[in-house]
Amino acid sequence: MIHVSLDNLKPGMILAQPVRNHQGILLLEAGARISKKNIRIFKSWGISGASVKGKLTKAEGRAGDVEIKVEESIEIQLKEKFNDVLDDPVMVEIFNAACKQLMRDFQNSERENEHS
């Protein structure tokens, strides 16, 4: 499963997790195939991205491309969690620290997988 930003969602992708609006109302169930109409609805509800079936692999491009996708995914997921508090400078610092730590954790797990 990977988290894809709204700009990178494509018709035909399959949701790994349900998509809900900010009030918790279900917009599309997990397992559903995404259509152009779904993407327009997500935009109208302010959805920033969705988790889709699949995984990032180095076969998808250069290793740098994969790291950028992972970094974008981490940032999108954290923005959803920090959504209501990013106007506070202290929370912005915590958000940035969390992004950096999660990226380091991902890179460390990749190194461990390469050596096993």
Protein backbone atom coordinates (compact mmCIF):
# COMPACT_ATOMS: atom_id res chain seq x y z
CA MET A 1 0.00 0.00 0.00
CA ILE A 2 1.23 3.48 -0.85
CA HIS A 3 -0.18 6.91 -0.16
CA VAL A 4 -0.60 8.90 -3.36
CA SER A 5 -1.18 12.65 -3.50
CA LEU A 6 -4.38 13.77 -5.20
CA ASP A 7 -2.41 15.13 -8.16
CA ASN A 8 -0.91 11.67 -8.73
CA LEU A 9 -4.12 9.64 -8.37
CA LYS A 10 -5.09 8.01 -11.65
CA PRO A 11 -8.33 6.38 -12.76
CA GLY A 12 -8.06 2.62 -12.37
CA MET A 13 -6.04 2.67 -9.14
CA ILE A 14 -7.58 0.57 -6.37
CA LEU A 15 -8.07 2.00 -2.90
CA ALA A 16 -6.29 0.18 -0.09
CA GLN A 17 -8.14 2.17 2.58
CA PRO A 18 -11.47 3.98 2.53
CA VAL A 19 -11.49 7.69 1.73
CA ARG A 20 -13.39 9.88 4.18
CA ASN A 21 -13.96 13.60 4.25
CA HIS A 22 -12.93 15.74 7.21
CA GLN A 23 -16.23 14.99 8.96
CA GLY A 24 -15.60 11.25 8.66
CA ILE A 25 -18.21 10.66 5.95
CA LEU A 26 -17.28 7.79 3.64
CA LEU A 27 -16.58 8.99 0.10
CA LEU A 28 -15.29 5.73 -1.36
CA GLU A 29 -14.79 2.25 0.11
CA ALA A 30 -11.52 0.33 0.27
CA GLY A 31 -11.17 -1.98 -2.72
CA ALA A 32 -12.99 0.40 -5.06
CA ARG A 33 -11.45 1.29 -8.41
CA ILE A 34 -10.89 5.04 -8.65
CA SER A 35 -12.59 6.90 -11.50
CA LYS A 36 -12.16 10.45 -12.87
CA LYS A 37 -15.42 11.34 -11.12
CA ASN A 38 -14.05 10.08 -7.78
CA ILE A 39 -10.96 12.26 -8.19
CA ARG A 40 -13.16 15.32 -8.88
CA ILE A 41 -15.21 14.51 -5.75
CA PHE A 42 -12.04 14.15 -3.68
CA LYS A 43 -10.88 17.57 -4.92
CA SER A 44 -14.21 19.16 -4.04
CA TRP A 45 -13.97 17.74 -0.50
CA GLY A 46 -10.37 18.89 -0.04
CA ILE A 47 -8.92 15.38 0.11
CA SER A 48 -5.13 15.60 -0.27
CA GLY A 49 -4.48 11.99 -1.28
CA ALA A 50 -5.44 8.36 -0.83
CA SER A 51 -3.86 5.01 0.00
CA VAL A 52 -3.87 2.68 -2.99
CA LYS A 53 -2.90 -0.93 -3.46
CA GLY A 54 0.66 -1.47 -4.56
CA LYS A 55 4.08 -0.70 -3.22
CA LEU A 56 7.04 1.44 -4.13
CA THR A 57 9.92 -0.43 -5.61
CA LYS A 58 13.20 0.63 -7.11
CA ALA A 59 11.95 -0.83 -10.40
CA GLU A 60 9.59 2.15 -10.68
CA GLY A 61 12.47 4.46 -11.38
CA ARG A 62 15.75 5.65 -10.04
CA ALA A 63 16.25 5.21 -6.31
CA GLY A 64 16.01 8.97 -5.92
CA ASP A 65 12.56 8.96 -7.52
CA VAL A 66 11.39 6.34 -5.02
CA GLU A 67 12.73 8.33 -2.08
CA ILE A 68 10.91 11.43 -3.33
CA LYS A 69 7.64 9.47 -3.59
CA VAL A 70 8.11 8.10 -0.09
CA GLU A 71 8.94 11.55 1.24
CA GLU A 72 5.81 12.98 -0.43
CA SER A 73 3.72 10.16 1.00
CA ILE A 74 5.07 10.73 4.52
CA GLU A 75 4.42 14.45 4.25
CA ILE A 76 0.86 13.96 2.96
CA GLN A 77 -0.02 11.50 5.70
CA LEU A 78 1.40 13.75 8.40
CA LYS A 79 -0.34 16.83 6.99
CA GLU A 80 -3.64 14.98 7.36
CA LYS A 81 -2.85 14.36 11.02
CA PHE A 82 -1.49 17.88 11.71
CA ASN A 83 -4.12 19.56 9.54
CA ASP A 84 -5.71 21.70 12.24
CA VAL A 85 -2.54 22.85 14.00
CA LEU A 86 -0.09 23.88 11.27
CA ASP A 87 -0.76 27.56 11.94
CA ASP A 88 1.15 27.16 15.24
CA PRO A 89 4.94 27.59 14.76
CA VAL A 90 5.71 25.02 17.46
CA MET A 91 3.51 22.43 15.77
CA VAL A 92 5.20 23.19 12.43
CA GLU A 93 8.55 22.34 14.04
CA ILE A 94 7.12 19.10 15.45
CA PHE A 95 5.65 18.30 12.02
CA ASN A 96 9.05 18.87 10.35
CA ALA A 97 10.84 16.75 12.95
CA ALA A 98 8.31 13.94 12.48
CA CYS A 99 8.80 14.05 8.68
CA LYS A 100 12.58 13.82 9.05
CA GLN A 101 12.38 10.97 11.56
CA LEU A 102 9.95 8.92 9.48
CA MET A 103 12.15 9.39 6.41
CA ARG A 104 15.23 8.25 8.39
CA ASP A 105 13.27 5.22 9.64
CA PHE A 106 12.29 4.36 6.05
CA GLN A 107 15.88 4.71 4.80
CA ASN A 108 17.19 2.55 7.66
CA SER A 109 14.62 -0.17 6.96
CA GLU A 110 15.60 -0.08 3.25
CA ARG A 111 19.27 -0.56 4.19
CA GLU A 112 18.38 -3.46 6.48
CA ASN A 113 16.35 -5.09 3.70
CA GLU A 114 19.27 -4.75 1.27
CA HIS A 115 21.64 -6.49 3.69
CA SER A 116 19.32 -9.38 4.52
